[in-house]
């Protein structure tokens, strides 16, 4: 769960990777998020970190391994990475963070479904 200051926006959870924490801060600063969106954003960040951890393992150890019968098997990280990517994409869609690129502003608009 994101940590919050008494009067400011929530801070990125400390267990996230540095790059993911930076992205968390960017999203919080640039989008108008409600409290429940911060929880969804944290879950999206965790999915992103899990995807990256799996990618690193696959890069280091390969996509397959040889089982005790000498048969190639897909590493568990491949499935975990796939599920994490799907979770991330669904959470981002749920947060409604898509930017349509319209208008002359350099800053993304407030969430369409949560405009005040």
PDB file of N, CA and C in Angstrom:
ATOM      1  N   UNK A   1       0.839  -1.174   0.000  1.00  0.00           N
ATOM      2  CA  UNK A   1       0.000   0.000   0.000  1.00  0.00           C
ATOM      3  C   UNK A   1       0.885   1.240   0.000  1.00  0.00           C
ATOM      4  N   UNK A   2       0.565   2.252  -0.782  1.00  0.00           N
ATOM      5  CA  UNK A   2       1.414   3.437  -0.845  1.00  0.00           C
ATOM      6  C   UNK A   2       1.438   4.180   0.480  1.00  0.00           C
ATOM      7  N   UNK A   3       2.602   4.688   0.796  1.00  0.00           N
ATOM      8  CA  UNK A   3       2.742   5.503   1.989  1.00  0.00           C
ATOM      9  C   UNK A   3       2.267   6.902   1.656  1.00  0.00           C
ATOM     10  N   UNK A   4       1.667   7.572   2.638  1.00  0.00           N
ATOM     11  CA  UNK A   4       1.209   8.932   2.403  1.00  0.00           C
ATOM     12  C   UNK A   4       1.782   9.860   3.447  1.00  0.00           C
ATOM     13  N   UNK A   5       2.042  11.072   3.033  1.00  0.00           N
ATOM     14  CA  UNK A   5       2.404  12.117   3.967  1.00  0.00           C
ATOM     15  C   UNK A   5       1.095  12.674   4.515  1.00  0.00           C
ATOM     16  N   UNK A   6       1.172  13.409   5.593  1.00  0.00           N
ATOM     17  CA  UNK A   6      -0.037  13.950   6.205  1.00  0.00           C
ATOM     18  C   UNK A   6      -0.822  14.824   5.230  1.00  0.00           C
ATOM     19  N   UNK A   7      -0.148  15.597   4.397  1.00  0.00           N
ATOM     20  CA  UNK A   7      -0.874  16.534   3.555  1.00  0.00           C
ATOM     21  C   UNK A   7      -0.542  16.419   2.065  1.00  0.00           C
ATOM     22  N   UNK A   8       0.282  15.495   1.679  1.00  0.00           N
ATOM     23  CA  UNK A   8       0.701  15.429   0.288  1.00  0.00           C
ATOM     24  C   UNK A   8       0.234  14.186  -0.420  1.00  0.00           C
ATOM     25  N   UNK A   9       0.651  14.065  -1.680  1.00  0.00           N
ATOM     26  CA  UNK A   9       0.288  12.867  -2.444  1.00  0.00           C
ATOM     27  C   UNK A   9       1.006  11.639  -1.877  1.00  0.00           C
ATOM     28  N   UNK A  10       0.501  10.460  -2.183  1.00  0.00           N
ATOM     29  CA  UNK A  10       1.154   9.256  -1.663  1.00  0.00           C
ATOM     30  C   UNK A  10       2.549   9.084  -2.248  1.00  0.00           C
ATOM     31  N   UNK A  11       3.417   8.529  -1.435  1.00  0.00           N
ATOM     32  CA  UNK A  11       4.764   8.219  -1.906  1.00  0.00           C
ATOM     33  C   UNK A  11       4.781   6.795  -2.444  1.00  0.00           C
ATOM     34  N   UNK A  12       5.686   6.561  -3.354  1.00  0.00           N
ATOM     35  CA  UNK A  12       5.819   5.222  -3.931  1.00  0.00           C
ATOM     36  C   UNK A  12       6.285   4.242  -2.855  1.00  0.00           C
ATOM     37  N   UNK A  13       5.745   3.040  -2.854  1.00  0.00           N
ATOM     38  CA  UNK A  13       6.180   2.039  -1.884  1.00  0.00           C
ATOM     39  C   UNK A  13       7.676   1.753  -2.020  1.00  0.00           C
ATOM     40  N   UNK A  14       8.331   1.541  -0.907  1.00  0.00           N
ATOM     41  CA  UNK A  14       9.780   1.349  -0.897  1.00  0.00           C
ATOM     42  C   UNK A  14      10.215   0.026  -1.511  1.00  0.00           C
ATOM     43  N   UNK A  15       9.326  -0.946  -1.594  1.00  0.00           N
ATOM     44  CA  UNK A  15       9.720  -2.247  -2.138  1.00  0.00           C
ATOM     45  C   UNK A  15       9.794  -2.249  -3.665  1.00  0.00           C
ATOM     46  N   UNK A  16       9.361  -1.173  -4.304  1.00  0.00           N
ATOM     47  CA  UNK A  16       9.422  -1.101  -5.764  1.00  0.00           C
ATOM     48  C   UNK A  16      10.836  -0.784  -6.229  1.00  0.00           C
ATOM     49  N   UNK A  17      11.149  -1.185  -7.438  1.00  0.00           N
ATOM     50  CA  UNK A  17      12.438  -0.866  -8.053  1.00  0.00           C
ATOM     51  C   UNK A  17      12.535   0.650  -8.251  1.00  0.00           C
ATOM     52  N   UNK A  18      13.745   1.185  -8.265  1.00  0.00           N
ATOM     53  CA  UNK A  18      13.904   2.642  -8.410  1.00  0.00           C
ATOM     54  C   UNK A  18      13.184   3.225  -9.631  1.00  0.00           C
ATOM     55  N   UNK A  19      13.300   2.592 -10.775  1.00  0.00           N
ATOM     56  CA  UNK A  19      12.633   3.095 -11.975  1.00  0.00           C
ATOM     57  C   UNK A  19      11.118   3.059 -11.851  1.00  0.00           C
ATOM     58  N   UNK A  20      10.616   2.049 -11.200  1.00  0.00           N
ATOM     59  CA  UNK A  20       9.171   1.916 -11.011  1.00  0.00           C
ATOM     60  C   UNK A  20       8.675   2.941 -10.003  1.00  0.00           C
ATOM     61  N   UNK A  21       9.461   3.188  -8.959  1.00  0.00           N
ATOM     62  CA  UNK A  21       9.096   4.236  -8.000  1.00  0.00           C
ATOM     63  C   UNK A  21       9.020   5.585  -8.699  1.00  0.00           C
ATOM     64  N   UNK A  22       9.966   5.844  -9.592  1.00  0.00           N
ATOM     65  CA  UNK A  22       9.959   7.104 -10.337  1.00  0.00           C
ATOM     66  C   UNK A  22       8.704   7.199 -11.196  1.00  0.00           C
ATOM     67  N   UNK A  23       8.331   6.121 -11.866  1.00  0.00           N
ATOM     68  CA  UNK A  23       7.127   6.116 -12.686  1.00  0.00           C
ATOM     69  C   UNK A  23       5.891   6.336 -11.816  1.00  0.00           C
ATOM     70  N   UNK A  24       5.837   5.706 -10.643  1.00  0.00           N
ATOM     71  CA  UNK A  24       4.734   5.896  -9.702  1.00  0.00           C
ATOM     72  C   UNK A  24       4.587   7.381  -9.379  1.00  0.00           C
ATOM     73  N   UNK A  25       5.703   8.036  -9.023  1.00  0.00           N
ATOM     74  CA  UNK A  25       5.668   9.468  -8.684  1.00  0.00           C
ATOM     75  C   UNK A  25       5.184  10.298  -9.872  1.00  0.00           C
ATOM     76  N   UNK A  26       5.647   9.966 -11.068  1.00  0.00           N
ATOM     77  CA  UNK A  26       5.238  10.700 -12.270  1.00  0.00           C
ATOM     78  C   UNK A  26       3.735  10.595 -12.480  1.00  0.00           C
ATOM     79  N   UNK A  27       3.190   9.400 -12.356  1.00  0.00           N
ATOM     80  CA  UNK A  27       1.755   9.201 -12.554  1.00  0.00           C
ATOM     81  C   UNK A  27       0.963   9.977 -11.495  1.00  0.00           C
ATOM     82  N   UNK A  28       1.411   9.907 -10.245  1.00  0.00           N
ATOM     83  CA  UNK A  28       0.701  10.610  -9.170  1.00  0.00           C
ATOM     84  C   UNK A  28       0.730  12.117  -9.395  1.00  0.00           C
ATOM     85  N   UNK A  29       1.846  12.624  -9.904  1.00  0.00           N
ATOM     86  CA  UNK A  29       1.966  14.069 -10.136  1.00  0.00           C
ATOM     87  C   UNK A  29       1.164  14.535 -11.348  1.00  0.00           C
ATOM     88  N   UNK A  30       1.070  13.703 -12.386  1.00  0.00           N
ATOM     89  CA  UNK A  30       0.474  14.142 -13.642  1.00  0.00           C
ATOM     90  C   UNK A  30      -1.002  13.793 -13.807  1.00  0.00           C
ATOM     91  N   UNK A  31      -1.533  12.929 -12.980  1.00  0.00           N
ATOM     92  CA  UNK A  31      -2.922  12.503 -13.126  1.00  0.00           C
ATOM     93  C   UNK A  31      -3.691  12.799 -11.850  1.00  0.00           C
ATOM     94  N   UNK A  32      -4.974  13.040 -12.003  1.00  0.00           N
ATOM     95  CA  UNK A  32      -5.860  13.294 -10.878  1.00  0.00           C
ATOM     96  C   UNK A  32      -6.412  11.949 -10.409  1.00  0.00           C
ATOM     97  N   UNK A  33      -5.798  11.373  -9.396  1.00  0.00           N
ATOM     98  CA  UNK A  33      -6.167  10.041  -8.929  1.00  0.00           C
ATOM     99  C   UNK A  33      -6.910  10.114  -7.609  1.00  0.00           C
ATOM    100  N   UNK A  34      -7.917   9.272  -7.454  1.00  0.00           N
ATOM    101  CA  UNK A  34      -8.601   9.113  -6.177  1.00  0.00           C
ATOM    102  C   UNK A  34      -7.823   8.104  -5.340  1.00  0.00           C
ATOM    103  N   UNK A  35      -8.187   7.994  -4.071  1.00  0.00           N
ATOM    104  CA  UNK A  35      -7.460   7.109  -3.154  1.00  0.00           C
ATOM    105  C   UNK A  35      -7.429   5.663  -3.647  1.00  0.00           C
ATOM    106  N   UNK A  36      -8.541   5.158  -4.154  1.00  0.00           N
ATOM    107  CA  UNK A  36      -8.549   3.757  -4.596  1.00  0.00           C
ATOM    108  C   UNK A  36      -7.675   3.557  -5.836  1.00  0.00           C
ATOM    109  N   UNK A  37      -7.467   4.618  -6.618  1.00  0.00           N
ATOM    110  CA  UNK A  37      -6.584   4.510  -7.772  1.00  0.00           C
ATOM    111  C   UNK A  37      -5.126   4.332  -7.346  1.00  0.00           C
ATOM    112  N   UNK A  38      -4.758   4.883  -6.208  1.00  0.00           N
ATOM    113  CA  UNK A  38      -3.387   4.717  -5.730  1.00  0.00           C
ATOM    114  C   UNK A  38      -3.096   3.247  -5.431  1.00  0.00           C
ATOM    115  N   UNK A  39      -4.105   2.532  -4.953  1.00  0.00           N
ATOM    116  CA  UNK A  39      -3.927   1.097  -4.699  1.00  0.00           C
ATOM    117  C   UNK A  39      -3.769   0.333  -6.015  1.00  0.00           C
ATOM    118  N   UNK A  40      -4.571   0.704  -7.002  1.00  0.00           N
ATOM    119  CA  UNK A  40      -4.447   0.063  -8.319  1.00  0.00           C
ATOM    120  C   UNK A  40      -3.091   0.377  -8.947  1.00  0.00           C
ATOM    121  N   UNK A  41      -2.634   1.616  -8.778  1.00  0.00           N
ATOM    122  CA  UNK A  41      -1.328   2.004  -9.307  1.00  0.00           C
ATOM    123  C   UNK A  41      -0.217   1.198  -8.635  1.00  0.00           C
ATOM    124  N   UNK A  42      -0.331   0.977  -7.334  1.00  0.00           N
ATOM    125  CA  UNK A  42       0.665   0.163  -6.624  1.00  0.00           C
ATOM    126  C   UNK A  42       0.685  -1.257  -7.180  1.00  0.00           C
ATOM    127  N   UNK A  43      -0.491  -1.831  -7.402  1.00  0.00           N
ATOM    128  CA  UNK A  43      -0.556  -3.184  -7.982  1.00  0.00           C
ATOM    129  C   UNK A  43       0.046  -3.213  -9.381  1.00  0.00           C
ATOM    130  N   UNK A  44      -0.206  -2.178 -10.177  1.00  0.00           N
ATOM    131  CA  UNK A  44       0.378  -2.106 -11.517  1.00  0.00           C
ATOM    132  C   UNK A  44       1.894  -2.039 -11.435  1.00  0.00           C
ATOM    133  N   UNK A  45       2.408  -1.265 -10.496  1.00  0.00           N
ATOM    134  CA  UNK A  45       3.865  -1.159 -10.318  1.00  0.00           C
ATOM    135  C   UNK A  45       4.464  -2.488  -9.889  1.00  0.00           C
ATOM    136  N   UNK A  46       3.785  -3.190  -9.009  1.00  0.00           N
ATOM    137  CA  UNK A  46       4.274  -4.500  -8.583  1.00  0.00           C
ATOM    138  C   UNK A  46       4.277  -5.479  -9.756  1.00  0.00           C
ATOM    139  N   UNK A  47       3.254  -5.433 -10.591  1.00  0.00           N
ATOM    140  CA  UNK A  47       3.212  -6.294 -11.783  1.00  0.00           C
ATOM    141  C   UNK A  47       4.350  -5.948 -12.733  1.00  0.00           C
ATOM    142  N   UNK A  48       4.625  -4.663 -12.883  1.00  0.00           N
ATOM    143  CA  UNK A  48       5.729  -4.219 -13.735  1.00  0.00           C
ATOM    144  C   UNK A  48       7.067  -4.732 -13.203  1.00  0.00           C
ATOM    145  N   UNK A  49       7.271  -4.637 -11.899  1.00  0.00           N
ATOM    146  CA  UNK A  49       8.502  -5.142 -11.299  1.00  0.00           C
ATOM    147  C   UNK A  49       8.628  -6.655 -11.446  1.00  0.00           C
ATOM    148  N   UNK A  50       7.516  -7.356 -11.282  1.00  0.00           N
ATOM    149  CA  UNK A  50       7.549  -8.813 -11.429  1.00  0.00           C
ATOM    150  C   UNK A  50       7.885  -9.198 -12.866  1.00  0.00           C
ATOM    151  N   UNK A  51       7.334  -8.473 -13.819  1.00  0.00           N
ATOM    152  CA  UNK A  51       7.645  -8.714 -15.221  1.00  0.00           C
ATOM    153  C   UNK A  51       9.132  -8.521 -15.479  1.00  0.00           C
ATOM    154  N   UNK A  52       9.684  -7.456 -14.944  1.00  0.00           N
ATOM    155  CA  UNK A  52      11.109  -7.162 -15.137  1.00  0.00           C
ATOM    156  C   UNK A  52      11.987  -8.236 -14.493  1.00  0.00           C
ATOM    157  N   UNK A  53      11.625  -8.690 -13.298  1.00  0.00           N
ATOM    158  CA  UNK A  53      12.401  -9.738 -12.627  1.00  0.00           C
ATOM    159  C   UNK A  53      12.395 -11.028 -13.449  1.00  0.00           C
ATOM    160  N   UNK A  54      11.243 -11.375 -13.994  1.00  0.00           N
ATOM    161  CA  UNK A  54      11.154 -12.575 -14.833  1.00  0.00           C
ATOM    162  C   UNK A  54      11.967 -12.401 -16.111  1.00  0.00           C
ATOM    163  N   UNK A  55      11.887 -11.226 -16.705  1.00  0.00           N
ATOM    164  CA  UNK A  55      12.646 -10.962 -17.929  1.00  0.00           C
ATOM    165  C   UNK A  55      14.131 -11.128 -17.678  1.00  0.00           C
ATOM    166  N   UNK A  56      14.615 -10.638 -16.538  1.00  0.00           N
ATOM    167  CA  UNK A  56      16.036 -10.766 -16.205  1.00  0.00           C
ATOM    168  C   UNK A  56      16.432 -12.230 -16.031  1.00  0.00           C
ATOM    169  N   UNK A  57      15.572 -13.003 -15.383  1.00  0.00           N
ATOM    170  CA  UNK A  57      15.856 -14.432 -15.185  1.00  0.00           C
ATOM    171  C   UNK A  57      15.892 -15.163 -16.523  1.00  0.00           C
ATOM    172  N   UNK A  58      14.928 -14.874 -17.381  1.00  0.00           N
ATOM    173  CA  UNK A  58      14.880 -15.516 -18.698  1.00  0.00           C
ATOM    174  C   UNK A  58      16.089 -15.115 -19.524  1.00  0.00           C
ATOM    175  N   UNK A  59      16.468 -13.856 -19.441  1.00  0.00           N
ATOM    176  CA  UNK A  59      17.648 -13.385 -20.175  1.00  0.00           C
ATOM    177  C   UNK A  59      18.912 -14.098 -19.692  1.00  0.00           C
ATOM    178  N   UNK A  60      18.996 -14.320 -18.385  1.00  0.00           N
ATOM    179  CA  UNK A  60      20.181 -14.945 -17.807  1.00  0.00           C
ATOM    180  C   UNK A  60      20.192 -16.469 -18.016  1.00  0.00           C
ATOM    181  N   UNK A  61      19.033 -17.121 -17.795  1.00  0.00           N
ATOM    182  CA  UNK A  61      18.986 -18.580 -17.778  1.00  0.00           C
ATOM    183  C   UNK A  61      18.342 -19.215 -19.006  1.00  0.00           C
ATOM    184  N   UNK A  62      17.768 -18.406 -19.877  1.00  0.00           N
ATOM    185  CA  UNK A  62      17.101 -18.938 -21.054  1.00  0.00           C
ATOM    186  C   UNK A  62      15.625 -19.169 -20.816  1.00  0.00           C
ATOM    187  N   UNK A  63      14.910 -19.406 -21.890  1.00  0.00           N
ATOM    188  CA  UNK A  63      13.474 -19.580 -21.820  1.00  0.00           C
ATOM    189  C   UNK A  63      13.079 -21.005 -21.442  1.00  0.00           C
ATOM    190  N   UNK A  64      13.993 -21.944 -21.622  1.00  0.00           N
ATOM    191  CA  UNK A  64      13.699 -23.339 -21.299  1.00  0.00           C
ATOM    192  C   UNK A  64      14.786 -23.919 -20.415  1.00  0.00           C
ATOM    193  N   UNK A  65      14.469 -25.064 -19.826  1.00  0.00           N
ATOM    194  CA  UNK A  65      15.447 -25.844 -19.076  1.00  0.00           C
ATOM    195  C   UNK A  65      15.214 -27.309 -19.419  1.00  0.00           C
ATOM    196  N   UNK A  66      16.165 -28.141 -19.097  1.00  0.00           N
ATOM    197  CA  UNK A  66      16.044 -29.572 -19.372  1.00  0.00           C
ATOM    198  C   UNK A  66      15.600 -30.280 -18.100  1.00  0.00           C
ATOM    199  N   UNK A  67      14.494 -31.018 -18.198  1.00  0.00           N
ATOM    200  CA  UNK A  67      13.996 -31.713 -17.005  1.00  0.00           C
ATOM    201  C   UNK A  67      14.807 -32.981 -16.745  1.00  0.00           C
ATOM    202  N   UNK A  68      14.439 -33.728 -15.724  1.00  0.00           N
ATOM    203  CA  UNK A  68      15.219 -34.915 -15.328  1.00  0.00           C
ATOM    204  C   UNK A  68      15.176 -36.026 -16.364  1.00  0.00           C
ATOM    205  N   UNK A  69      14.246 -35.941 -17.312  1.00  0.00           N
ATOM    206  CA  UNK A  69      14.160 -36.924 -18.379  1.00  0.00           C
ATOM    207  C   UNK A  69      14.858 -36.456 -19.649  1.00  0.00           C
ATOM    208  N   UNK A  70      15.533 -35.309 -19.569  1.00  0.00           N
ATOM    209  CA  UNK A  70      16.249 -34.781 -20.715  1.00  0.00           C
ATOM    210  C   UNK A  70      15.375 -34.034 -21.710  1.00  0.00           C
ATOM    211  N   UNK A  71      14.147 -33.707 -21.308  1.00  0.00           N
ATOM    212  CA  UNK A  71      13.214 -33.014 -22.186  1.00  0.00           C
ATOM    213  C   UNK A  71      13.225 -31.510 -21.899  1.00  0.00           C
ATOM    214  N   UNK A  72      13.181 -30.699 -22.938  1.00  0.00           N
ATOM    215  CA  UNK A  72      13.130 -29.245 -22.703  1.00  0.00           C
ATOM    216  C   UNK A  72      11.767 -28.843 -22.147  1.00  0.00           C
ATOM    217  N   UNK A  73      11.779 -27.979 -21.163  1.00  0.00           N
ATOM    218  CA  UNK A  73      10.560 -27.461 -20.542  1.00  0.00           C
ATOM    219  C   UNK A  73      10.661 -25.942 -20.457  1.00  0.00           C
ATOM    220  N   UNK A  74       9.522 -25.307 -20.556  1.00  0.00           N
ATOM    221  CA  UNK A  74       9.485 -23.859 -20.418  1.00  0.00           C
ATOM    222  C   UNK A  74       9.707 -23.481 -18.955  1.00  0.00           C
ATOM    223  N   UNK A  75      10.511 -22.462 -18.752  1.00  0.00           N
ATOM    224  CA  UNK A  75      10.767 -21.989 -17.396  1.00  0.00           C
ATOM    225  C   UNK A  75       9.475 -21.429 -16.790  1.00  0.00           C
ATOM    226  N   UNK A  76       9.258 -21.582 -15.502  1.00  0.00           N
ATOM    227  CA  UNK A  76       8.070 -21.014 -14.848  1.00  0.00           C
ATOM    228  C   UNK A  76       8.007 -19.494 -14.999  1.00  0.00           C
ATOM    229  N   UNK A  77       9.145 -18.857 -15.103  1.00  0.00           N
ATOM    230  CA  UNK A  77       9.177 -17.397 -15.228  1.00  0.00           C
ATOM    231  C   UNK A  77       8.493 -16.898 -16.498  1.00  0.00           C
ATOM    232  N   UNK A  78       8.452 -17.739 -17.532  1.00  0.00           N
ATOM    233  CA  UNK A  78       7.787 -17.340 -18.779  1.00  0.00           C
ATOM    234  C   UNK A  78       6.301 -17.133 -18.516  1.00  0.00           C
ATOM    235  N   UNK A  79       5.681 -18.059 -17.818  1.00  0.00           N
ATOM    236  CA  UNK A  79       4.260 -17.949 -17.490  1.00  0.00           C
ATOM    237  C   UNK A  79       4.007 -16.809 -16.504  1.00  0.00           C
ATOM    238  N   UNK A  80       4.873 -16.678 -15.521  1.00  0.00           N
ATOM    239  CA  UNK A  80       4.731 -15.596 -14.543  1.00  0.00           C
ATOM    240  C   UNK A  80       4.833 -14.245 -15.245  1.00  0.00           C
ATOM    241  N   UNK A  81       5.784 -14.111 -16.165  1.00  0.00           N
ATOM    242  CA  UNK A  81       5.949 -12.864 -16.899  1.00  0.00           C
ATOM    243  C   UNK A  81       4.707 -12.568 -17.738  1.00  0.00           C
ATOM    244  N   UNK A  82       4.187 -13.580 -18.395  1.00  0.00           N
ATOM    245  CA  UNK A  82       2.978 -13.402 -19.202  1.00  0.00           C
ATOM    246  C   UNK A  82       1.822 -12.903 -18.334  1.00  0.00           C
ATOM    247  N   UNK A  83       1.614 -13.535 -17.187  1.00  0.00           N
ATOM    248  CA  UNK A  83       0.525 -13.148 -16.288  1.00  0.00           C
ATOM    249  C   UNK A  83       0.738 -11.740 -15.731  1.00  0.00           C
ATOM    250  N   UNK A  84       1.978 -11.392 -15.433  1.00  0.00           N
ATOM    251  CA  UNK A  84       2.275 -10.057 -14.911  1.00  0.00           C
ATOM    252  C   UNK A  84       2.014  -8.990 -15.963  1.00  0.00           C
ATOM    253  N   UNK A  85       2.358  -9.279 -17.206  1.00  0.00           N
ATOM    254  CA  UNK A  85       2.091  -8.321 -18.283  1.00  0.00           C
ATOM    255  C   UNK A  85       0.593  -8.103 -18.461  1.00  0.00           C
ATOM    256  N   UNK A  86      -0.168  -9.184 -18.422  1.00  0.00           N
ATOM    257  CA  UNK A  86      -1.620  -9.055 -18.537  1.00  0.00           C
ATOM    258  C   UNK A  86      -2.192  -8.255 -17.370  1.00  0.00           C
ATOM    259  N   UNK A  87      -1.716  -8.546 -16.169  1.00  0.00           N
ATOM    260  CA  UNK A  87      -2.189  -7.811 -14.990  1.00  0.00           C
ATOM    261  C   UNK A  87      -1.865  -6.332 -15.114  1.00  0.00           C
ATOM    262  N   UNK A  88      -0.640  -6.017 -15.563  1.00  0.00           N
ATOM    263  CA  UNK A  88      -0.243  -4.622 -15.726  1.00  0.00           C
ATOM    264  C   UNK A  88      -1.152  -3.926 -16.735  1.00  0.00           C
ATOM    265  N   UNK A  89      -1.356  -4.550 -17.887  1.00  0.00           N
ATOM    266  CA  UNK A  89      -2.187  -3.942 -18.932  1.00  0.00           C
ATOM    267  C   UNK A  89      -3.622  -3.720 -18.438  1.00  0.00           C
ATOM    268  N   UNK A  90      -4.159  -4.669 -17.718  1.00  0.00           N
ATOM    269  CA  UNK A  90      -5.526  -4.529 -17.213  1.00  0.00           C
ATOM    270  C   UNK A  90      -5.624  -3.453 -16.148  1.00  0.00           C
ATOM    271  N   UNK A  91      -4.618  -3.365 -15.288  1.00  0.00           N
ATOM    272  CA  UNK A  91      -4.630  -2.328 -14.256  1.00  0.00           C
ATOM    273  C   UNK A  91      -4.493  -0.939 -14.867  1.00  0.00           C
ATOM    274  N   UNK A  92      -3.655  -0.807 -15.872  1.00  0.00           N
ATOM    275  CA  UNK A  92      -3.515   0.484 -16.549  1.00  0.00           C
ATOM    276  C   UNK A  92      -4.827   0.854 -17.230  1.00  0.00           C
ATOM    277  N   UNK A  93      -5.470  -0.110 -17.841  1.00  0.00           N
ATOM    278  CA  UNK A  93      -6.773   0.157 -18.462  1.00  0.00           C
ATOM    279  C   UNK A  93      -7.796   0.558 -17.396  1.00  0.00           C
ATOM    280  N   UNK A  94      -7.761  -0.113 -16.268  1.00  0.00           N
ATOM    281  CA  UNK A  94      -8.682   0.211 -15.174  1.00  0.00           C
ATOM    282  C   UNK A  94      -8.420   1.615 -14.625  1.00  0.00           C
ATOM    283  N   UNK A  95      -7.161   2.004 -14.595  1.00  0.00           N
ATOM    284  CA  UNK A  95      -6.808   3.347 -14.134  1.00  0.00           C
ATOM    285  C   UNK A  95      -7.160   4.416 -15.160  1.00  0.00           C
ATOM    286  N   UNK A  96      -7.389   3.995 -16.396  1.00  0.00           N
ATOM    287  CA  UNK A  96      -7.765   4.913 -17.471  1.00  0.00           C
ATOM    288  C   UNK A  96      -6.650   5.919 -17.739  1.00  0.00           C
ATOM    289  N   UNK A  97      -5.408   5.425 -17.820  1.00  0.00           N
ATOM    290  CA  UNK A  97      -4.253   6.295 -18.009  1.00  0.00           C
ATOM    291  C   UNK A  97      -3.917   6.539 -19.475  1.00  0.00           C
ATOM    292  N   UNK A  98      -4.720   6.044 -20.384  1.00  0.00           N
ATOM    293  CA  UNK A  98      -4.434   6.283 -21.798  1.00  0.00           C
ATOM    294  C   UNK A  98      -4.534   7.763 -22.108  1.00  0.00           C
ATOM    295  N   UNK A  99      -3.616   8.226 -22.916  1.00  0.00           N
ATOM    296  CA  UNK A  99      -3.598   9.624 -23.332  1.00  0.00           C
ATOM    297  C   UNK A  99      -3.939   9.658 -24.802  1.00  0.00           C
ATOM    298  N   UNK A 100      -4.992  10.396 -25.158  1.00  0.00           N
ATOM    299  CA  UNK A 100      -5.441  10.381 -26.543  1.00  0.00           C
ATOM    300  C   UNK A 100      -4.643  11.325 -27.438  1.00  0.00           C
ATOM    301  N   UNK A 101      -3.765  12.148 -26.870  1.00  0.00           N
ATOM    302  CA  UNK A 101      -2.912  13.013 -27.662  1.00  0.00           C
ATOM    303  C   UNK A 101      -3.603  14.251 -28.197  1.00  0.00           C
ATOM    304  N   UNK A 102      -4.872  14.436 -27.899  1.00  0.00           N
ATOM    305  CA  UNK A 102      -5.597  15.601 -28.389  1.00  0.00           C
ATOM    306  C   UNK A 102      -5.267  16.852 -27.593  1.00  0.00           C
ATOM    307  N   UNK A 103      -5.497  17.981 -28.194  1.00  0.00           N
ATOM    308  CA  UNK A 103      -5.284  19.245 -27.497  1.00  0.00           C
ATOM    309  C   UNK A 103      -3.854  19.729 -27.605  1.00  0.00           C
ATOM    310  N   UNK A 104      -3.648  20.928 -27.116  1.00  0.00           N
ATOM    311  CA  UNK A 104      -2.332  21.545 -27.203  1.00  0.00           C
ATOM    312  C   UNK A 104      -1.538  21.461 -25.910  1.00  0.00           C
ATOM    313  N   UNK A 105      -2.038  20.770 -24.907  1.00  0.00           N
ATOM    314  CA  UNK A 105      -1.339  20.714 -23.629  1.00  0.00           C
ATOM    315  C   UNK A 105      -0.257  19.655 -23.666  1.00  0.00           C
ATOM    316  N   UNK A 106       0.812  19.925 -22.964  1.00  0.00           N
ATOM    317  CA  UNK A 106       1.900  18.958 -22.869  1.00  0.00           C
ATOM    318  C   UNK A 106       1.661  17.999 -21.722  1.00  0.00           C
ATOM    319  N   UNK A 107       0.679  18.270 -20.915  1.00  0.00           N
ATOM    320  CA  UNK A 107       0.389  17.462 -19.746  1.00  0.00           C
ATOM    321  C   UNK A 107      -0.877  16.646 -19.984  1.00  0.00           C
ATOM    322  N   UNK A 108      -0.883  15.386 -19.573  1.00  0.00           N
ATOM    323  CA  UNK A 108      -2.084  14.570 -19.772  1.00  0.00           C
ATOM    324  C   UNK A 108      -3.270  15.136 -19.004  1.00  0.00           C
ATOM    325  N   UNK A 109      -4.469  14.930 -19.514  1.00  0.00           N
ATOM    326  CA  UNK A 109      -5.653  15.422 -18.823  1.00  0.00           C
ATOM    327  C   UNK A 109      -5.967  14.568 -17.594  1.00  0.00           C
ATOM    328  N   UNK A 110      -6.884  15.047 -16.776  1.00  0.00           N
ATOM    329  CA  UNK A 110      -7.372  14.233 -15.669  1.00  0.00           C
ATOM    330  C   UNK A 110      -8.040  12.990 -16.242  1.00  0.00           C
ATOM    331  N   UNK A 111      -8.184  11.985 -15.440  1.00  0.00           N
ATOM    332  CA  UNK A 111      -8.831  10.767 -15.890  1.00  0.00           C
ATOM    333  C   UNK A 111     -10.219  11.090 -16.440  1.00  0.00           C
ATOM    334  N   UNK A 112     -10.529  10.564 -17.599  1.00  0.00           N
ATOM    335  CA  UNK A 112     -11.832  10.834 -18.229  1.00  0.00           C
ATOM    336  C   UNK A 112     -12.984  10.431 -17.321  1.00  0.00           C
ATOM    337  N   UNK A 113     -12.820   9.313 -16.677  1.00  0.00           N
ATOM    338  CA  UNK A 113     -13.917   8.809 -15.847  1.00  0.00           C
ATOM    339  C   UNK A 113     -13.946   9.474 -14.473  1.00  0.00           C
ATOM    340  N   UNK A 114     -12.966  10.319 -14.178  1.00  0.00           N
ATOM    341  CA  UNK A 114     -12.892  10.929 -12.852  1.00  0.00           C
ATOM    342  C   UNK A 114     -12.682  12.435 -12.909  1.00  0.00           C
ATOM    343  N   UNK A 115     -13.119  13.061 -13.963  1.00  0.00           N
ATOM    344  CA  UNK A 115     -12.982  14.524 -14.049  1.00  0.00           C
ATOM    345  C   UNK A 115     -13.876  15.183 -13.042  1.00  0.00           C
ATOM    346  N   UNK A 116     -13.402  16.254 -12.496  1.00  0.00           N
ATOM    347  CA  UNK A 116     -14.178  16.988 -11.485  1.00  0.00           C
ATOM    348  C   UNK A 116     -14.924  18.101 -12.140  1.00  0.00           C
TER     349      UNK A 116
END
